[in-house]
Amino acid sequence: MIEKKMNLSIDEISKQLGVTESSLLTFLGQSGYTQSYKVNEEKTVLSILEEYEDHLHKLVQSGKRTIHTEKTYKNFISRLREFLLNNYPLLKANEFNEIILNEALTYTNNNKYSVRTLNKYNAIIRSILKFAYFMEYTNKDSRNKFILEKTSLIPRYIKLKDIRSVLEISESLYRPYRCRAIIMFLLLTGCRVSEVSNIKVKDFDIENNLIYILDGKGNKDRIIPMFTELKEEILLYLNKSGLPQWNSYNDGFLFARDEGAERNRKIPIRTIQHLIKRIKDRIPELSFITVHSFRHTFAVHCLKAGIDPHYLTEVLGHEDPKTTKIYTKLDGEDLKEQIKDKFPYPLEILLNTLIEEKNEIDNGRN
């Protein structure tokens, strides 16, 4: 009788038997049916995705996740949902594995993914499976199926000799005073693009020469020292964009589409990204740059100038100091410059001597 009803929900079974859900669950546990019940009642990944999106939105509302994170997760979930609907509509959480994820990633995109991108998708899946397990939608924690790969990518940054070209091109674009100001802000703060988009006029504190980054990544606040060159640049930009006097009470956006005193419409992230794309399209040797390259540029040049990595970690808003250490890695050109500065050293002198001796012998034979 009970086994036949196992395809029904626990609520339906308890109503038909005329008992409470807790009493029925207790009976099933004592009778050895609990495990069978959990397996049969396990939710599909599709149904879990729907509930997870609601859960994610509540995390954003409570300040535990950012809107940017929610957008990234939902974009991926949307692609995953389309794939599952067409291929694995009844897939259960404990059946989801790396092979199926790889199928999903190549379902609409055959391009090769970077290790960082794959890690991002694996992290999202792990978060979904964690949610499913703790909500008891599955009786197995499957997160360990999705392993995050270690990355040792050397961050690419803009060399000093190329920064002049970047600024010159920014001055030839639409509203050049704003384009140049955004580029200078990126170069001299190391801020993330979302932080540049969200910063307010009052957060650019010219009285104390400090920049306040509020609700940054991980909903953390931090303070960045204001360079004199940046201060002058931003004040010039504000004047040209309709705000001749900086005001510590101005709650408008520093980089705004509606120029003037109110400044209620911020410059979107996409607009800043498009600005960088227009610049790199005109400088072939900088075809690699993205908005994030300016953050790398700030960090690398700070370290080259001798700034303590510990303080740089605070300025960049890194949670883990190890993240800052990636900027201590030098690319091929930097290594070449460093080695040249150290030459000659004993081995090189020896090699040169051997070459000279060989040349003398060869010339004597001729």
Protein backbone atom coordinates (compact mmCIF):
# COMPACT_ATOMS: atom_id res chain seq x y z
CA MET A 1 0.00 0.00 0.00
CA ILE A 2 2.70 2.50 1.02
CA GLU A 3 5.10 1.50 -1.78
CA LYS A 4 2.35 2.12 -4.31
CA LYS A 5 1.83 5.63 -2.98
CA MET A 6 5.51 6.54 -3.14
CA ASN A 7 5.08 8.34 -6.47
CA LEU A 8 2.83 10.85 -4.72
CA SER A 9 4.10 13.74 -2.66
CA ILE A 10 4.45 13.29 1.10
CA ASP A 11 1.66 15.83 1.58
CA GLU A 12 -0.73 13.84 -0.61
CA ILE A 13 0.13 10.57 1.13
CA SER A 14 -0.41 11.99 4.60
CA LYS A 15 -3.80 13.45 3.58
CA GLN A 16 -4.98 10.15 2.12
CA LEU A 17 -3.89 8.26 5.24
CA GLY A 18 -5.35 10.90 7.55
CA VAL A 19 -2.10 11.49 9.45
CA THR A 20 0.29 14.44 9.80
CA GLU A 21 3.39 14.72 7.63
CA SER A 22 5.71 14.48 10.65
CA SER A 23 3.97 11.29 11.87
CA LEU A 24 4.24 9.72 8.44
CA LEU A 25 7.92 10.62 8.12
CA THR A 26 8.61 9.16 11.55
CA PHE A 27 6.82 5.94 10.57
CA LEU A 28 8.71 5.72 7.27
CA GLY A 29 12.01 6.24 9.05
CA GLN A 30 11.26 3.50 11.59
CA SER A 31 10.08 1.17 8.83
CA GLY A 32 13.15 1.63 6.65
CA TYR A 33 11.37 3.54 3.90
CA THR A 34 13.07 6.92 4.39
CA GLN A 35 15.94 6.33 1.97
CA SER A 36 13.58 5.02 -0.73
CA TYR A 37 11.32 8.01 -0.23
CA LYS A 38 14.14 10.53 -0.64
CA VAL A 39 15.39 8.94 -3.84
CA ASN A 40 11.94 8.77 -5.39
CA GLU A 41 11.04 12.30 -4.31
CA GLU A 42 14.35 13.89 -5.41
CA LYS A 43 13.73 17.00 -7.47
CA THR A 44 14.90 17.54 -11.02
CA VAL A 45 17.67 20.03 -11.73
CA LEU A 46 15.17 22.14 -13.69
CA SER A 47 12.89 22.57 -10.69
CA ILE A 48 15.89 23.28 -8.43
CA LEU A 49 17.12 26.01 -10.80
CA GLU A 50 13.84 27.86 -10.47
CA GLU A 51 13.98 27.83 -6.67
CA TYR A 52 17.69 28.67 -6.67
CA GLU A 53 17.04 31.86 -8.65
CA ASP A 54 14.54 32.96 -6.00
CA HIS A 55 17.10 32.11 -3.31
CA LEU A 56 19.78 34.11 -5.16
CA HIS A 57 17.52 37.13 -5.44
CA LYS A 58 16.87 37.04 -1.68
CA LEU A 59 20.64 36.98 -1.10
CA VAL A 60 20.94 40.13 -3.22
CA GLN A 61 18.15 41.82 -1.28
CA SER A 62 19.86 40.99 2.02
CA GLY A 63 23.19 42.33 0.74
CA LYS A 64 24.95 38.96 0.69
CA ARG A 65 25.33 38.99 -3.11
CA THR A 66 25.68 41.83 -5.59
CA ILE A 67 23.35 42.59 -8.49
CA HIS A 68 26.27 41.97 -10.84
CA THR A 69 26.72 38.46 -9.38
CA GLU A 70 23.01 37.76 -9.76
CA LYS A 71 23.11 38.83 -13.41
CA THR A 72 26.12 36.60 -14.14
CA TYR A 73 24.51 33.60 -12.45
CA LYS A 74 21.13 34.09 -14.12
CA ASN A 75 22.68 34.38 -17.59
CA PHE A 76 24.40 31.02 -17.10
CA ILE A 77 21.31 29.43 -15.53
CA SER A 78 19.21 30.56 -18.50
CA ARG A 79 21.57 28.78 -20.90
CA LEU A 80 21.66 25.68 -18.69
CA ARG A 81 17.86 25.60 -18.45
CA GLU A 82 17.47 25.69 -22.24
CA PHE A 83 19.92 22.82 -22.61
CA LEU A 84 18.24 20.66 -19.94
CA LEU A 85 14.76 21.26 -21.35
CA ASN A 86 15.87 19.95 -24.73
CA ASN A 87 18.12 17.14 -23.58
CA TYR A 88 17.70 16.09 -19.92
CA PRO A 89 14.32 17.36 -18.64
CA LEU A 90 14.13 14.72 -15.88
CA LEU A 91 17.77 14.92 -14.76
CA LYS A 92 18.14 14.68 -10.98
CA ALA A 93 20.71 16.61 -8.95
CA ASN A 94 22.73 13.53 -8.02
CA GLU A 95 22.92 12.58 -11.73
CA PHE A 96 24.41 15.90 -12.81
CA ASN A 97 28.11 15.56 -13.64
CA GLU A 98 30.98 17.21 -15.48
CA ILE A 99 30.21 15.43 -18.75
CA ILE A 100 26.68 16.86 -18.83
CA LEU A 101 28.02 20.32 -17.93
CA ASN A 102 30.47 20.14 -20.85
CA GLU A 103 27.59 19.21 -23.14
CA ALA A 104 25.69 22.24 -21.89
CA LEU A 105 28.62 24.58 -22.48
CA THR A 106 29.06 23.44 -26.08
CA TYR A 107 25.29 23.35 -26.76
CA THR A 108 25.14 26.92 -28.05
CA ASN A 109 28.83 27.85 -28.11
CA ASN A 110 31.66 25.82 -29.62
CA ASN A 111 34.36 28.33 -28.66
CA LYS A 112 37.09 27.29 -26.27
CA TYR A 113 36.58 28.53 -22.72
CA SER A 114 39.40 29.88 -20.56
CA VAL A 115 40.23 28.17 -17.27
CA ARG A 116 38.83 31.15 -15.37
CA THR A 117 35.53 31.00 -17.24
CA LEU A 118 35.22 27.26 -16.65
CA ASN A 119 35.97 27.81 -12.96
CA LYS A 120 33.23 30.42 -12.84
CA TYR A 121 30.67 27.99 -14.28
CA ASN A 122 31.84 25.20 -11.99
CA ALA A 123 31.48 27.54 -9.02
CA ILE A 124 27.89 28.35 -10.02
CA ILE A 125 27.02 24.66 -10.33
CA ARG A 126 28.62 23.96 -6.94
CA SER A 127 26.52 26.73 -5.40
CA ILE A 128 23.33 25.29 -6.93
CA LEU A 129 24.14 21.77 -5.71
CA LYS A 130 24.96 23.08 -2.24
CA PHE A 131 21.56 24.78 -2.15
CA ALA A 132 19.83 21.57 -3.30
CA TYR A 133 21.58 19.47 -0.66
CA PHE A 134 20.90 21.77 2.28
CA MET A 135 17.27 22.17 1.19
CA GLU A 136 17.11 18.33 1.17
CA TYR A 137 16.08 18.24 -2.48
CA THR A 138 18.72 15.54 -2.91
CA ASN A 139 20.21 13.04 -0.46
CA LYS A 140 23.72 13.41 -1.85
CA ASP A 141 26.16 16.34 -1.81
CA SER A 142 27.49 16.30 -5.39
CA ARG A 143 29.64 19.41 -5.26
CA ASN A 144 32.90 17.46 -5.34
CA LYS A 145 32.12 16.36 -8.91
CA PHE A 146 32.93 19.88 -10.08
CA ILE A 147 36.55 20.76 -9.33
CA LEU A 148 37.98 24.26 -9.68
CA GLU A 149 41.23 24.21 -11.64
CA LYS A 150 44.23 26.19 -10.45
CA THR A 151 45.18 29.12 -12.67
CA SER A 152 48.53 30.82 -13.01
CA LEU A 153 47.72 33.36 -15.69
CA ILE A 154 50.03 36.35 -15.97
CA PRO A 155 47.90 39.49 -16.03
CA ARG A 156 48.41 41.57 -19.14
CA TYR A 157 48.69 45.28 -18.59
CA ILE A 158 49.34 48.51 -20.46
CA LYS A 159 52.96 49.63 -20.62
CA LEU A 160 53.84 53.23 -19.84
CA LYS A 161 54.78 53.90 -23.47
CA ASP A 162 51.24 52.94 -24.60
CA ILE A 163 49.28 54.90 -22.00
CA ARG A 164 49.86 58.15 -23.92
CA SER A 165 48.22 56.60 -27.02
CA VAL A 166 45.24 55.42 -24.97
CA LEU A 167 44.67 58.92 -23.59
CA GLU A 168 45.10 60.57 -26.98
CA ILE A 169 42.46 58.34 -28.55
CA SER A 170 40.06 58.90 -25.65
CA GLU A 171 40.29 62.62 -26.39
CA SER A 172 39.12 62.07 -29.96
CA LEU A 173 35.89 60.25 -29.02
CA TYR A 174 32.39 61.57 -28.28
CA ARG A 175 32.42 63.72 -25.13
CA PRO A 176 36.21 63.50 -24.86
CA TYR A 177 36.34 65.14 -21.42
CA ARG A 178 34.25 62.28 -20.01
CA CYS A 179 36.12 59.55 -21.88
CA ARG A 180 39.48 60.85 -20.69
CA ALA A 181 38.21 61.21 -17.10
CA ILE A 182 36.99 57.59 -17.05
CA ILE A 183 40.32 56.33 -18.42
CA MET A 184 42.27 58.36 -15.86
CA PHE A 185 40.02 57.08 -13.08
CA LEU A 186 40.61 53.48 -14.15
CA LEU A 187 44.37 53.99 -14.44
CA LEU A 188 44.82 55.77 -11.10
CA THR A 189 42.46 53.81 -8.83
CA GLY A 190 42.49 50.18 -10.02
CA CYS A 191 38.72 50.07 -9.52
CA ARG A 192 36.49 47.42 -11.01
CA VAL A 193 34.18 48.55 -13.80
CA SER A 194 31.08 48.15 -11.59
CA GLU A 195 32.68 50.39 -8.98
CA VAL A 196 33.43 53.09 -11.57
CA SER A 197 29.83 52.97 -12.74
CA ASN A 198 28.39 53.23 -9.22
CA ILE A 199 30.63 55.83 -7.57
CA LYS A 200 28.89 59.01 -6.40
CA VAL A 201 30.12 62.61 -6.48
CA LYS A 202 30.23 62.72 -2.67
CA ASP A 203 32.41 59.57 -2.62
CA PHE A 204 35.15 61.45 -4.50
CA ASP A 205 36.24 63.36 -1.40
CA ILE A 206 38.46 66.23 -2.56
CA GLU A 207 38.65 67.70 0.96
CA ASN A 208 40.43 64.67 2.39
CA ASN A 209 41.87 63.44 -0.93
CA LEU A 210 40.20 60.06 -0.53
CA ILE A 211 37.91 57.95 -2.71
CA TYR A 212 35.26 55.86 -0.97
CA ILE A 213 34.25 52.63 -2.66
CA LEU A 214 31.00 51.53 -1.07
CA ASP A 215 29.38 48.12 -1.61
CA GLY A 216 32.26 46.84 -3.72
CA LYS A 217 32.74 43.19 -4.59
CA GLY A 218 31.46 41.08 -1.72
CA ASN A 219 29.53 44.13 -0.48
CA LYS A 220 32.69 45.47 1.15
CA ASP A 221 33.69 49.11 1.59
CA ARG A 222 37.21 50.44 1.15
CA ILE A 223 39.15 53.67 0.80
CA ILE A 224 41.53 54.59 -2.02
CA PRO A 225 44.04 57.46 -1.81
CA MET A 226 43.45 60.19 -4.38
CA PHE A 227 46.35 61.11 -6.64
CA THR A 228 46.74 64.82 -7.39
CA GLU A 229 46.63 64.15 -11.15
CA LEU A 230 43.31 62.35 -10.80
CA LYS A 231 41.84 65.03 -8.57
CA GLU A 232 42.61 67.74 -11.13
CA GLU A 233 41.28 65.60 -13.98
CA ILE A 234 37.97 64.82 -12.28
CA LEU A 235 37.38 68.41 -11.17
CA LEU A 236 37.92 69.55 -14.77
CA TYR A 237 35.50 66.87 -15.97
CA LEU A 238 32.86 67.86 -13.40
CA ASN A 239 33.13 71.50 -14.45
CA LYS A 240 32.69 70.60 -18.13
CA SER A 241 29.78 68.27 -17.33
CA GLY A 242 27.75 70.92 -15.51
CA LEU A 243 29.00 70.76 -11.92
CA PRO A 244 31.45 73.63 -11.38
CA GLN A 245 31.61 73.14 -7.60
CA TRP A 246 32.19 69.80 -5.89
CA ASN A 247 29.71 69.18 -3.08
CA SER A 248 30.20 66.63 -0.30
CA TYR A 249 26.41 66.19 -0.11
CA ASN A 250 25.88 65.55 -3.81
CA ASP A 251 24.38 62.06 -4.10
CA GLY A 252 24.51 62.04 -7.90
CA PHE A 253 26.73 59.73 -9.92
CA LEU A 254 30.26 60.92 -10.65
CA PHE A 255 30.08 59.57 -14.20
CA ALA A 256 26.54 60.39 -15.31
CA ARG A 257 24.57 60.40 -18.54
CA ASP A 258 22.42 63.31 -17.35
CA GLU A 259 25.12 65.94 -16.88
CA GLY A 260 24.49 68.76 -14.45
CA ALA A 261 23.92 68.96 -10.70
CA GLU A 262 21.40 66.12 -10.27
CA ARG A 263 23.27 63.31 -12.07
CA ASN A 264 20.69 60.58 -11.47
CA ARG A 265 21.54 58.38 -14.48
CA LYS A 266 24.85 56.58 -14.09
CA ILE A 267 27.10 55.53 -16.95
CA PRO A 268 26.31 51.80 -17.49
CA ILE A 269 29.01 49.16 -17.31
CA ARG A 270 28.37 48.31 -20.95
CA THR A 271 29.12 51.90 -22.00
CA ILE A 272 32.49 51.81 -20.24
CA GLN A 273 33.28 48.46 -21.85
CA HIS A 274 32.36 49.88 -25.25
CA LEU A 275 34.67 52.85 -24.63
CA ILE A 276 37.62 50.51 -24.08
CA LYS A 277 36.70 48.49 -27.16
CA ARG A 278 36.74 51.61 -29.35
CA ILE A 279 40.18 52.50 -28.01
CA LYS A 280 41.72 49.06 -28.52
CA ASP A 281 40.26 48.82 -32.03
CA ARG A 282 42.47 51.77 -32.96
CA ILE A 283 45.64 50.44 -31.30
CA PRO A 284 46.51 47.02 -32.79
CA GLU A 285 49.24 46.30 -30.25
CA LEU A 286 46.68 46.67 -27.45
CA SER A 287 44.11 44.33 -28.95
CA PHE A 288 44.21 42.28 -25.72
CA ILE A 289 42.98 44.98 -23.36
CA THR A 290 39.67 44.96 -21.51
CA VAL A 291 38.36 47.24 -18.78
CA HIS A 292 39.99 44.89 -16.26
CA SER A 293 43.37 45.46 -17.93
CA PHE A 294 43.39 48.94 -16.38
CA ARG A 295 43.08 47.36 -12.93
CA HIS A 296 46.04 45.13 -13.78
CA THR A 297 47.94 48.17 -15.04
CA PHE A 298 47.38 50.08 -11.81
CA ALA A 299 48.44 47.11 -9.67
CA VAL A 300 51.59 46.24 -11.62
CA HIS A 301 52.87 49.80 -11.77
CA CYS A 302 52.17 50.27 -8.05
CA LEU A 303 54.29 47.22 -7.25
CA LYS A 304 57.02 48.38 -9.62
CA ALA A 305 57.03 51.69 -7.76
CA GLY A 306 57.70 49.82 -4.52
CA ILE A 307 54.28 49.85 -2.85
CA ASP A 308 53.95 47.14 -0.20
CA PRO A 309 51.73 44.28 -1.53
CA HIS A 310 49.83 44.28 1.77
CA TYR A 311 48.67 47.87 1.27
CA LEU A 312 47.91 47.21 -2.38
CA THR A 313 45.64 44.35 -1.31
CA GLU A 314 43.62 46.86 0.72
CA VAL A 315 43.44 49.38 -2.12
CA LEU A 316 42.34 46.78 -4.66
CA GLY A 317 39.79 45.26 -2.29
CA HIS A 318 41.15 41.72 -2.54
CA GLU A 319 39.85 39.37 0.11
CA ASP A 320 42.90 37.10 -0.15
CA PRO A 321 46.44 38.60 -0.33
CA LYS A 322 47.36 35.70 -2.63
CA THR A 323 45.20 37.30 -5.30
CA THR A 324 47.41 40.40 -5.25
CA LYS A 325 50.52 38.26 -5.70
CA ILE A 326 49.57 37.44 -9.29
CA TYR A 327 50.64 40.98 -10.16
CA THR A 328 54.19 40.25 -9.00
CA LYS A 329 54.65 37.92 -11.96
CA LEU A 330 56.54 39.51 -14.83
CA ASP A 331 55.79 38.96 -18.49
CA GLY A 332 58.45 38.12 -21.08
CA GLU A 333 59.39 41.72 -21.85
CA ASP A 334 59.73 42.62 -18.16
CA LEU A 335 61.92 39.59 -17.56
CA LYS A 336 64.11 40.53 -20.49
CA GLU A 337 64.58 44.05 -19.11
CA GLN A 338 65.36 42.74 -15.62
CA ILE A 339 67.92 40.23 -16.90
CA LYS A 340 69.63 42.81 -19.09
CA ASP A 341 70.02 45.08 -16.06
CA LYS A 342 71.83 42.27 -14.21
CA PHE A 343 74.21 41.31 -17.07
CA PRO A 344 77.03 40.60 -17.31
CA TYR A 345 77.36 37.98 -14.63
CA PRO A 346 80.10 35.30 -14.31
CA LEU A 347 78.51 32.70 -16.60
CA GLU A 348 77.95 35.24 -19.38
CA ILE A 349 81.53 36.48 -19.07
CA LEU A 350 82.77 32.90 -19.33
CA LEU A 351 80.64 32.23 -22.42
CA ASN A 352 81.88 35.39 -24.10
CA THR A 353 85.48 34.38 -23.38
CA LEU A 354 84.93 30.94 -24.87
CA ILE A 355 83.34 32.45 -28.00
CA GLU A 356 86.23 34.90 -28.44
CA GLU A 357 88.77 32.09 -28.07
CA LYS A 358 86.92 29.97 -30.62
CA ASN A 359 86.81 32.89 -33.06
CA GLU A 360 90.54 33.42 -32.68
CA ILE A 361 91.22 29.74 -33.38
CA ASP A 362 88.95 29.80 -36.43
CA ASN A 363 90.61 32.96 -37.76
CA GLY A 364 94.04 31.39 -37.26
CA ARG A 365 93.03 28.41 -39.33
CA ASN A 366 91.85 30.65 -42.14
